[in-house]
Amino acid sequence: MISPAFFQALKIIIERLEDSEIPWALTGSVNFALQGITITPNDIDLQCNQADIHALAEYFDNYATTPVDLKISEKIRSYFGQFEIEGVVVEIMAGMQKKDSAGNWLPPVDITQHRIFINTQGVEFPVLNLAYERDSYAAMDRIEKANRLAEWLHQQEEG
């Protein structure tokens, strides 16, 4: 479920990026909730392509809490920045790369290949396709989320 504070933060994001030509999408738990999965999001995650992350961050300069920088973990690397809008943590990511089983970094994903648009409460949101999200979580060994998405997608196919 999306709380009123989250929905207000989402509306601010949509309004700020409305005239932008930057391709971006909501990902993570907010995406799941917007697409009908019962989940309470902890934050709002935005993803864009690597070339656009600094331009995207400029739209939210007055909300910045962590400047955009390259963040590297054992299996994932991406550019990352954090903001707070209406008391809600907003994280932006770009150029996300995952390591394959041989330890090589895979090329960054072009989000426009996996982005769809949904309308919720009269607002159109760019979101990532849930099948892509399922595969991404599986690739990051976040099996519980991948399985939850797989189960939900299976129920939608049957229902």
N, C-alpha and C. Protein backbone atom coordinates (compact mmCIF):
# COMPACT_ATOMS: atom_id res chain seq x y z
N MET A 1 0.83 -1.18 0.00
CA MET A 1 0.00 0.00 0.00
C MET A 1 0.88 1.25 0.00
N ILE A 2 0.43 2.23 -0.73
CA ILE A 2 1.19 3.47 -0.80
C ILE A 2 0.53 4.50 0.12
N SER A 3 1.29 4.97 1.07
CA SER A 3 0.76 5.94 2.04
C SER A 3 0.56 7.30 1.36
N PRO A 4 -0.25 8.17 1.97
CA PRO A 4 -0.43 9.51 1.40
C PRO A 4 0.89 10.28 1.25
N ALA A 5 1.81 10.13 2.21
CA ALA A 5 3.10 10.83 2.11
C ALA A 5 3.89 10.33 0.90
N PHE A 6 3.89 9.02 0.68
CA PHE A 6 4.58 8.46 -0.47
C PHE A 6 3.95 8.94 -1.77
N PHE A 7 2.61 8.93 -1.79
CA PHE A 7 1.93 9.37 -3.01
C PHE A 7 2.22 10.84 -3.29
N GLN A 8 2.29 11.67 -2.24
CA GLN A 8 2.62 13.08 -2.41
C GLN A 8 4.05 13.22 -2.95
N ALA A 9 4.99 12.46 -2.42
CA ALA A 9 6.37 12.50 -2.92
C ALA A 9 6.42 12.05 -4.37
N LEU A 10 5.65 11.02 -4.73
CA LEU A 10 5.61 10.55 -6.11
C LEU A 10 5.04 11.63 -7.04
N LYS A 11 4.03 12.34 -6.59
CA LYS A 11 3.46 13.41 -7.41
C LYS A 11 4.47 14.53 -7.63
N ILE A 12 5.26 14.85 -6.60
CA ILE A 12 6.30 15.87 -6.75
C ILE A 12 7.34 15.41 -7.78
N ILE A 13 7.73 14.15 -7.71
CA ILE A 13 8.69 13.60 -8.67
C ILE A 13 8.13 13.71 -10.08
N ILE A 14 6.89 13.27 -10.27
CA ILE A 14 6.25 13.33 -11.59
C ILE A 14 6.19 14.77 -12.09
N GLU A 15 5.78 15.69 -11.24
CA GLU A 15 5.67 17.10 -11.64
C GLU A 15 7.03 17.68 -12.03
N ARG A 16 8.06 17.38 -11.25
CA ARG A 16 9.39 17.91 -11.54
C ARG A 16 9.95 17.36 -12.84
N LEU A 17 9.66 16.11 -13.14
CA LEU A 17 10.24 15.46 -14.32
C LEU A 17 9.31 15.48 -15.53
N GLU A 18 8.15 16.10 -15.37
CA GLU A 18 7.13 16.12 -16.41
C GLU A 18 7.63 16.61 -17.77
N ASP A 19 8.41 17.66 -17.78
CA ASP A 19 8.90 18.23 -19.04
C ASP A 19 10.31 17.75 -19.39
N SER A 20 10.84 16.87 -18.58
CA SER A 20 12.18 16.35 -18.81
C SER A 20 12.16 15.31 -19.94
N GLU A 21 13.23 15.25 -20.67
CA GLU A 21 13.36 14.22 -21.69
C GLU A 21 14.21 13.05 -21.19
N ILE A 22 14.51 13.05 -19.91
CA ILE A 22 15.31 11.99 -19.31
C ILE A 22 14.44 10.74 -19.15
N PRO A 23 14.85 9.61 -19.74
CA PRO A 23 14.10 8.37 -19.50
C PRO A 23 14.40 7.85 -18.10
N TRP A 24 13.36 7.61 -17.33
CA TRP A 24 13.51 7.11 -15.97
C TRP A 24 12.32 6.22 -15.65
N ALA A 25 12.44 5.46 -14.56
CA ALA A 25 11.35 4.58 -14.14
C ALA A 25 11.44 4.33 -12.64
N LEU A 26 10.28 4.07 -12.05
CA LEU A 26 10.23 3.63 -10.66
C LEU A 26 10.57 2.15 -10.63
N THR A 27 11.26 1.74 -9.59
CA THR A 27 11.66 0.36 -9.43
C THR A 27 11.48 -0.03 -7.96
N GLY A 28 11.70 -1.27 -7.64
CA GLY A 28 11.62 -1.71 -6.25
C GLY A 28 10.20 -1.74 -5.70
N SER A 29 10.09 -1.62 -4.39
CA SER A 29 8.82 -1.83 -3.70
C SER A 29 7.72 -0.85 -4.11
N VAL A 30 8.06 0.38 -4.42
CA VAL A 30 7.02 1.33 -4.88
C VAL A 30 6.46 0.85 -6.22
N ASN A 31 7.31 0.38 -7.10
CA ASN A 31 6.86 -0.18 -8.36
C ASN A 31 5.91 -1.36 -8.10
N PHE A 32 6.30 -2.24 -7.20
CA PHE A 32 5.47 -3.40 -6.90
C PHE A 32 4.09 -2.95 -6.41
N ALA A 33 4.08 -2.01 -5.47
CA ALA A 33 2.82 -1.53 -4.90
C ALA A 33 1.95 -0.87 -5.97
N LEU A 34 2.56 -0.05 -6.82
CA LEU A 34 1.79 0.61 -7.88
C LEU A 34 1.16 -0.39 -8.85
N GLN A 35 1.83 -1.54 -9.00
CA GLN A 35 1.31 -2.55 -9.93
C GLN A 35 0.42 -3.59 -9.25
N GLY A 36 0.08 -3.35 -7.97
CA GLY A 36 -0.93 -4.17 -7.31
C GLY A 36 -0.44 -5.20 -6.32
N ILE A 37 0.86 -5.28 -6.09
CA ILE A 37 1.38 -6.23 -5.11
C ILE A 37 1.20 -5.64 -3.72
N THR A 38 0.73 -6.43 -2.77
CA THR A 38 0.56 -5.96 -1.41
C THR A 38 1.93 -5.88 -0.74
N ILE A 39 2.41 -4.67 -0.56
CA ILE A 39 3.71 -4.42 0.05
C ILE A 39 3.71 -2.98 0.56
N THR A 40 4.41 -2.75 1.65
CA THR A 40 4.55 -1.40 2.17
C THR A 40 5.96 -0.92 1.85
N PRO A 41 6.10 0.02 0.93
CA PRO A 41 7.44 0.50 0.55
C PRO A 41 8.14 1.24 1.70
N ASN A 42 9.46 1.09 1.74
CA ASN A 42 10.29 1.81 2.71
C ASN A 42 10.86 3.09 2.11
N ASP A 43 10.98 3.11 0.79
CA ASP A 43 11.55 4.26 0.09
C ASP A 43 11.05 4.26 -1.35
N ILE A 44 11.46 5.26 -2.09
CA ILE A 44 11.12 5.35 -3.51
C ILE A 44 12.42 5.21 -4.28
N ASP A 45 12.46 4.27 -5.21
CA ASP A 45 13.65 4.05 -6.03
C ASP A 45 13.35 4.48 -7.47
N LEU A 46 14.23 5.33 -8.01
CA LEU A 46 14.17 5.74 -9.41
C LEU A 46 15.40 5.20 -10.11
N GLN A 47 15.22 4.78 -11.33
CA GLN A 47 16.35 4.32 -12.12
C GLN A 47 16.35 5.04 -13.45
N CYS A 48 17.54 5.41 -13.90
CA CYS A 48 17.70 6.04 -15.22
C CYS A 48 18.96 5.47 -15.85
N ASN A 49 19.25 5.91 -17.06
CA ASN A 49 20.47 5.49 -17.72
C ASN A 49 21.65 6.30 -17.20
N GLN A 50 22.84 5.73 -17.24
CA GLN A 50 24.03 6.33 -16.65
C GLN A 50 24.28 7.75 -17.15
N ALA A 51 24.10 7.98 -18.43
CA ALA A 51 24.40 9.30 -18.99
C ALA A 51 23.48 10.40 -18.42
N ASP A 52 22.37 10.01 -17.81
CA ASP A 52 21.37 10.98 -17.37
C ASP A 52 21.31 11.21 -15.87
N ILE A 53 22.09 10.48 -15.09
CA ILE A 53 21.89 10.54 -13.64
C ILE A 53 22.18 11.92 -13.04
N HIS A 54 23.21 12.59 -13.51
CA HIS A 54 23.52 13.91 -12.93
C HIS A 54 22.45 14.93 -13.32
N ALA A 55 21.95 14.85 -14.54
CA ALA A 55 20.86 15.73 -14.96
C ALA A 55 19.60 15.45 -14.15
N LEU A 56 19.31 14.17 -13.92
CA LEU A 56 18.15 13.81 -13.11
C LEU A 56 18.30 14.35 -11.69
N ALA A 57 19.48 14.20 -11.12
CA ALA A 57 19.72 14.66 -9.75
C ALA A 57 19.51 16.17 -9.62
N GLU A 58 19.83 16.92 -10.67
CA GLU A 58 19.66 18.37 -10.62
C GLU A 58 18.21 18.78 -10.38
N TYR A 59 17.27 17.97 -10.83
CA TYR A 59 15.85 18.28 -10.62
C TYR A 59 15.48 18.23 -9.14
N PHE A 60 16.33 17.58 -8.33
CA PHE A 60 16.02 17.39 -6.92
C PHE A 60 17.12 17.93 -6.00
N ASP A 61 17.93 18.87 -6.51
CA ASP A 61 19.05 19.42 -5.74
C ASP A 61 18.65 19.86 -4.33
N ASN A 62 17.51 20.53 -4.22
CA ASN A 62 17.12 21.06 -2.91
C ASN A 62 16.66 19.96 -1.94
N TYR A 63 16.55 18.72 -2.40
CA TYR A 63 16.17 17.61 -1.55
C TYR A 63 17.34 16.67 -1.25
N ALA A 64 18.52 16.95 -1.78
CA ALA A 64 19.66 16.02 -1.71
C ALA A 64 20.13 15.77 -0.28
N THR A 65 20.37 14.50 0.03
CA THR A 65 20.99 14.11 1.30
C THR A 65 22.31 13.38 1.07
N THR A 66 22.43 12.70 -0.08
CA THR A 66 23.67 12.01 -0.47
C THR A 66 23.92 12.31 -1.94
N PRO A 67 25.02 13.00 -2.26
CA PRO A 67 25.29 13.30 -3.67
C PRO A 67 25.52 12.05 -4.50
N VAL A 68 25.24 12.16 -5.78
CA VAL A 68 25.43 11.04 -6.70
C VAL A 68 26.91 10.67 -6.77
N ASP A 69 27.17 9.38 -6.64
CA ASP A 69 28.53 8.86 -6.72
C ASP A 69 28.45 7.39 -7.12
N LEU A 70 29.56 6.86 -7.58
CA LEU A 70 29.63 5.44 -7.94
C LEU A 70 29.65 4.61 -6.66
N LYS A 71 28.77 3.63 -6.59
CA LYS A 71 28.67 2.74 -5.43
C LYS A 71 28.92 1.32 -5.92
N ILE A 72 29.84 0.63 -5.27
CA ILE A 72 30.22 -0.72 -5.72
C ILE A 72 30.08 -1.68 -4.55
N SER A 73 29.35 -2.79 -4.80
CA SER A 73 29.28 -3.88 -3.82
C SER A 73 29.87 -5.11 -4.49
N GLU A 74 29.77 -6.23 -3.84
CA GLU A 74 30.36 -7.46 -4.37
C GLU A 74 29.76 -7.86 -5.71
N LYS A 75 28.43 -7.67 -5.88
CA LYS A 75 27.76 -8.16 -7.08
C LYS A 75 27.14 -7.07 -7.95
N ILE A 76 27.06 -5.85 -7.43
CA ILE A 76 26.39 -4.78 -8.17
C ILE A 76 27.22 -3.51 -8.07
N ARG A 77 27.20 -2.75 -9.17
CA ARG A 77 27.75 -1.40 -9.10
C ARG A 77 26.83 -0.49 -9.90
N SER A 78 26.69 0.72 -9.38
CA SER A 78 25.85 1.70 -10.05
C SER A 78 26.14 3.08 -9.48
N TYR A 79 25.68 4.08 -10.19
CA TYR A 79 25.71 5.43 -9.65
C TYR A 79 24.49 5.56 -8.76
N PHE A 80 24.67 6.25 -7.64
CA PHE A 80 23.63 6.28 -6.62
C PHE A 80 23.61 7.65 -5.95
N GLY A 81 22.42 8.15 -5.69
CA GLY A 81 22.23 9.38 -4.92
C GLY A 81 20.97 9.24 -4.09
N GLN A 82 20.90 10.04 -3.03
CA GLN A 82 19.73 9.93 -2.15
C GLN A 82 19.16 11.31 -1.85
N PHE A 83 17.84 11.35 -1.72
CA PHE A 83 17.10 12.59 -1.50
C PHE A 83 16.03 12.32 -0.45
N GLU A 84 15.46 13.38 0.09
CA GLU A 84 14.31 13.24 0.97
C GLU A 84 13.25 14.22 0.52
N ILE A 85 12.10 13.68 0.11
CA ILE A 85 10.99 14.48 -0.39
C ILE A 85 9.78 14.20 0.47
N GLU A 86 9.23 15.23 1.10
CA GLU A 86 8.05 15.07 1.97
C GLU A 86 8.30 14.02 3.06
N GLY A 87 9.54 13.96 3.55
CA GLY A 87 9.88 13.00 4.60
C GLY A 87 10.11 11.58 4.10
N VAL A 88 10.07 11.38 2.78
CA VAL A 88 10.24 10.06 2.19
C VAL A 88 11.63 9.98 1.54
N VAL A 89 12.35 8.92 1.82
CA VAL A 89 13.67 8.71 1.22
C VAL A 89 13.47 8.32 -0.25
N VAL A 90 14.19 9.03 -1.12
CA VAL A 90 14.15 8.75 -2.56
C VAL A 90 15.58 8.44 -2.99
N GLU A 91 15.76 7.28 -3.62
CA GLU A 91 17.08 6.89 -4.10
C GLU A 91 17.06 6.85 -5.62
N ILE A 92 18.11 7.40 -6.23
CA ILE A 92 18.22 7.32 -7.69
C ILE A 92 19.45 6.48 -8.02
N MET A 93 19.29 5.66 -9.06
CA MET A 93 20.35 4.76 -9.49
C MET A 93 20.48 4.83 -11.00
N ALA A 94 21.68 4.58 -11.48
CA ALA A 94 21.91 4.57 -12.93
C ALA A 94 23.14 3.74 -13.25
N GLY A 95 23.16 3.27 -14.49
CA GLY A 95 24.31 2.49 -14.94
C GLY A 95 24.47 1.21 -14.16
N MET A 96 23.36 0.64 -13.71
CA MET A 96 23.44 -0.55 -12.87
C MET A 96 24.04 -1.72 -13.65
N GLN A 97 25.07 -2.30 -13.04
CA GLN A 97 25.73 -3.47 -13.62
C GLN A 97 25.75 -4.58 -12.58
N LYS A 98 25.58 -5.79 -13.06
CA LYS A 98 25.64 -6.96 -12.19
C LYS A 98 26.81 -7.83 -12.64
N LYS A 99 27.38 -8.57 -11.70
CA LYS A 99 28.44 -9.52 -12.05
C LYS A 99 27.82 -10.83 -12.48
N ASP A 100 28.40 -11.41 -13.53
CA ASP A 100 27.95 -12.74 -13.93
C ASP A 100 28.64 -13.80 -13.09
N SER A 101 28.33 -15.06 -13.32
CA SER A 101 28.88 -16.14 -12.51
C SER A 101 30.39 -16.27 -12.63
N ALA A 102 30.97 -15.73 -13.71
CA ALA A 102 32.42 -15.77 -13.89
C ALA A 102 33.12 -14.57 -13.25
N GLY A 103 32.32 -13.66 -12.67
CA GLY A 103 32.89 -12.48 -12.01
C GLY A 103 33.08 -11.29 -12.92
N ASN A 104 32.52 -11.33 -14.12
CA ASN A 104 32.64 -10.21 -15.07
C ASN A 104 31.44 -9.28 -14.93
N TRP A 105 31.67 -7.97 -15.04
CA TRP A 105 30.58 -7.01 -15.00
C TRP A 105 29.81 -7.06 -16.31
N LEU A 106 28.50 -7.24 -16.21
CA LEU A 106 27.64 -7.21 -17.39
C LEU A 106 27.41 -5.76 -17.79
N PRO A 107 27.08 -5.50 -19.06
CA PRO A 107 26.85 -4.12 -19.48
C PRO A 107 25.67 -3.50 -18.73
N PRO A 108 25.69 -2.17 -18.55
CA PRO A 108 24.55 -1.51 -17.90
C PRO A 108 23.27 -1.73 -18.71
N VAL A 109 22.18 -1.76 -17.99
CA VAL A 109 20.87 -1.98 -18.59
C VAL A 109 20.31 -0.66 -19.11
N ASP A 110 19.70 -0.71 -20.30
CA ASP A 110 18.98 0.44 -20.83
C ASP A 110 17.55 0.31 -20.32
N ILE A 111 17.16 1.18 -19.39
CA ILE A 111 15.84 1.02 -18.76
C ILE A 111 14.69 1.19 -19.74
N THR A 112 14.91 1.89 -20.83
CA THR A 112 13.80 2.09 -21.78
C THR A 112 13.35 0.77 -22.39
N GLN A 113 14.19 -0.25 -22.35
CA GLN A 113 13.83 -1.57 -22.88
C GLN A 113 12.88 -2.32 -21.95
N HIS A 114 12.78 -1.87 -20.70
CA HIS A 114 11.98 -2.58 -19.70
C HIS A 114 10.93 -1.69 -19.04
N ARG A 115 10.80 -0.47 -19.53
CA ARG A 115 9.89 0.50 -18.92
C ARG A 115 8.50 0.40 -19.54
N ILE A 116 7.50 0.44 -18.67
CA ILE A 116 6.11 0.54 -19.10
C ILE A 116 5.48 1.71 -18.34
N PHE A 117 4.29 2.09 -18.74
CA PHE A 117 3.59 3.18 -18.07
C PHE A 117 2.28 2.65 -17.52
N ILE A 118 2.00 3.00 -16.27
CA ILE A 118 0.74 2.59 -15.64
C ILE A 118 0.05 3.83 -15.09
N ASN A 119 -1.27 3.75 -14.99
CA ASN A 119 -2.04 4.86 -14.44
C ASN A 119 -2.63 4.42 -13.11
N THR A 120 -2.31 5.17 -12.07
CA THR A 120 -2.82 4.89 -10.73
C THR A 120 -3.34 6.19 -10.14
N GLN A 121 -4.56 6.17 -9.70
CA GLN A 121 -5.21 7.34 -9.09
C GLN A 121 -5.09 8.57 -9.99
N GLY A 122 -5.21 8.35 -11.29
CA GLY A 122 -5.19 9.45 -12.24
C GLY A 122 -3.81 9.99 -12.57
N VAL A 123 -2.75 9.33 -12.12
CA VAL A 123 -1.38 9.77 -12.39
C VAL A 123 -0.69 8.67 -13.19
N GLU A 124 0.00 9.07 -14.28
CA GLU A 124 0.74 8.10 -15.08
C GLU A 124 2.17 7.99 -14.56
N PHE A 125 2.56 6.75 -14.25
CA PHE A 125 3.89 6.49 -13.70
C PHE A 125 4.70 5.61 -14.65
N PRO A 126 5.97 5.98 -14.91
CA PRO A 126 6.87 5.07 -15.62
C PRO A 126 7.42 4.07 -14.60
N VAL A 127 7.27 2.80 -14.89
CA VAL A 127 7.73 1.74 -13.98
C VAL A 127 8.46 0.68 -14.78
N LEU A 128 9.23 -0.13 -14.10
CA LEU A 128 9.89 -1.25 -14.76
C LEU A 128 8.96 -2.45 -14.78
N ASN A 129 8.99 -3.17 -15.89
CA ASN A 129 8.22 -4.38 -16.07
C ASN A 129 8.55 -5.36 -14.94
N LEU A 130 7.53 -5.96 -14.34
CA LEU A 130 7.76 -6.84 -13.19
C LEU A 130 8.51 -8.12 -13.55
N ALA A 131 8.39 -8.61 -14.77
CA ALA A 131 9.17 -9.78 -15.18
C ALA A 131 10.66 -9.42 -15.19
N TYR A 132 10.98 -8.21 -15.66
CA TYR A 132 12.38 -7.76 -15.62
C TYR A 132 12.84 -7.62 -14.17
N GLU A 133 12.00 -7.04 -13.32
CA GLU A 133 12.34 -6.89 -11.90
C GLU A 133 12.61 -8.26 -11.27
N ARG A 134 11.76 -9.24 -11.57
CA ARG A 134 11.95 -10.60 -11.05
C ARG A 134 13.32 -11.13 -11.45
N ASP A 135 13.67 -10.98 -12.72
CA ASP A 135 14.97 -11.47 -13.21
C ASP A 135 16.13 -10.73 -12.56
N SER A 136 15.97 -9.43 -12.35
CA SER A 136 17.03 -8.63 -11.72
C SER A 136 17.27 -9.07 -10.28
N TYR A 137 16.18 -9.25 -9.54
CA TYR A 137 16.34 -9.70 -8.15
C TYR A 137 16.97 -11.09 -8.10
N ALA A 138 16.60 -11.96 -9.01
CA ALA A 138 17.20 -13.29 -9.04
C ALA A 138 18.70 -13.19 -9.34
N ALA A 139 19.08 -12.31 -10.27
CA ALA A 139 20.50 -12.13 -10.62
C ALA A 139 21.30 -11.56 -9.46
N MET A 140 20.63 -10.82 -8.58
CA MET A 140 21.31 -10.24 -7.41
C MET A 140 21.24 -11.18 -6.20
N ASP A 141 20.76 -12.40 -6.42
CA ASP A 141 20.59 -13.39 -5.35
C ASP A 141 19.64 -12.91 -4.25
N ARG A 142 18.69 -12.07 -4.63
CA ARG A 142 17.65 -11.65 -3.68
C ARG A 142 16.43 -12.53 -3.99
N ILE A 143 16.60 -13.79 -3.63
CA ILE A 143 15.69 -14.85 -4.04
C ILE A 143 14.29 -14.67 -3.48
N GLU A 144 14.17 -14.20 -2.24
CA GLU A 144 12.84 -14.03 -1.65
C GLU A 144 11.99 -13.06 -2.49
N LYS A 145 12.58 -11.92 -2.87
CA LYS A 145 11.83 -10.96 -3.69
C LYS A 145 11.57 -11.52 -5.09
N ALA A 146 12.56 -12.18 -5.65
CA ALA A 146 12.38 -12.77 -6.98
C ALA A 146 11.24 -13.79 -6.97
N ASN A 147 11.21 -14.62 -5.93
CA ASN A 147 10.15 -15.62 -5.83
C ASN A 147 8.78 -14.98 -5.61
N ARG A 148 8.74 -13.92 -4.82
CA ARG A 148 7.47 -13.22 -4.60
C ARG A 148 6.94 -12.64 -5.90
N LEU A 149 7.83 -12.04 -6.68
CA LEU A 149 7.42 -11.50 -7.98
C LEU A 149 7.00 -12.61 -8.93
N ALA A 150 7.73 -13.71 -8.94
CA ALA A 150 7.39 -14.84 -9.81
C ALA A 150 6.01 -15.38 -9.46
N GLU A 151 5.73 -15.51 -8.16
CA GLU A 151 4.43 -16.01 -7.72
C GLU A 151 3.32 -15.05 -8.13
N TRP A 152 3.52 -13.76 -7.93
CA TRP A 152 2.50 -12.77 -8.29
C TRP A 152 2.26 -12.78 -9.80
N LEU A 153 3.33 -12.83 -10.59
CA LEU A 153 3.18 -12.86 -12.05
C LEU A 153 2.43 -14.12 -12.49
N HIS A 154 2.72 -15.23 -11.85
CA HIS A 154 2.03 -16.48 -12.17
C HIS A 154 0.54 -16.36 -11.86
N GLN A 155 0.20 -15.77 -10.73
CA GLN A 155 -1.20 -15.58 -10.36
C GLN A 155 -1.92 -14.67 -11.37
N GLN A 156 -1.21 -13.66 -11.87
CA GLN A 156 -1.82 -12.75 -12.84
C GLN A 156 -2.09 -13.46 -14.17
N GLU A 157 -1.19 -14.35 -14.55
CA GLU A 157 -1.37 -15.11 -15.78
C GLU A 157 -2.57 -16.03 -15.69
N GLU A 158 -2.76 -16.63 -14.51
CA GLU A 158 -3.87 -17.56 -14.31
C GLU A 158 -5.20 -16.86 -14.10
N GLY A 159 -5.14 -15.66 -13.50
CA GLY A 159 -6.35 -14.98 -13.06
C GLY A 159 -7.06 -14.20 -14.06
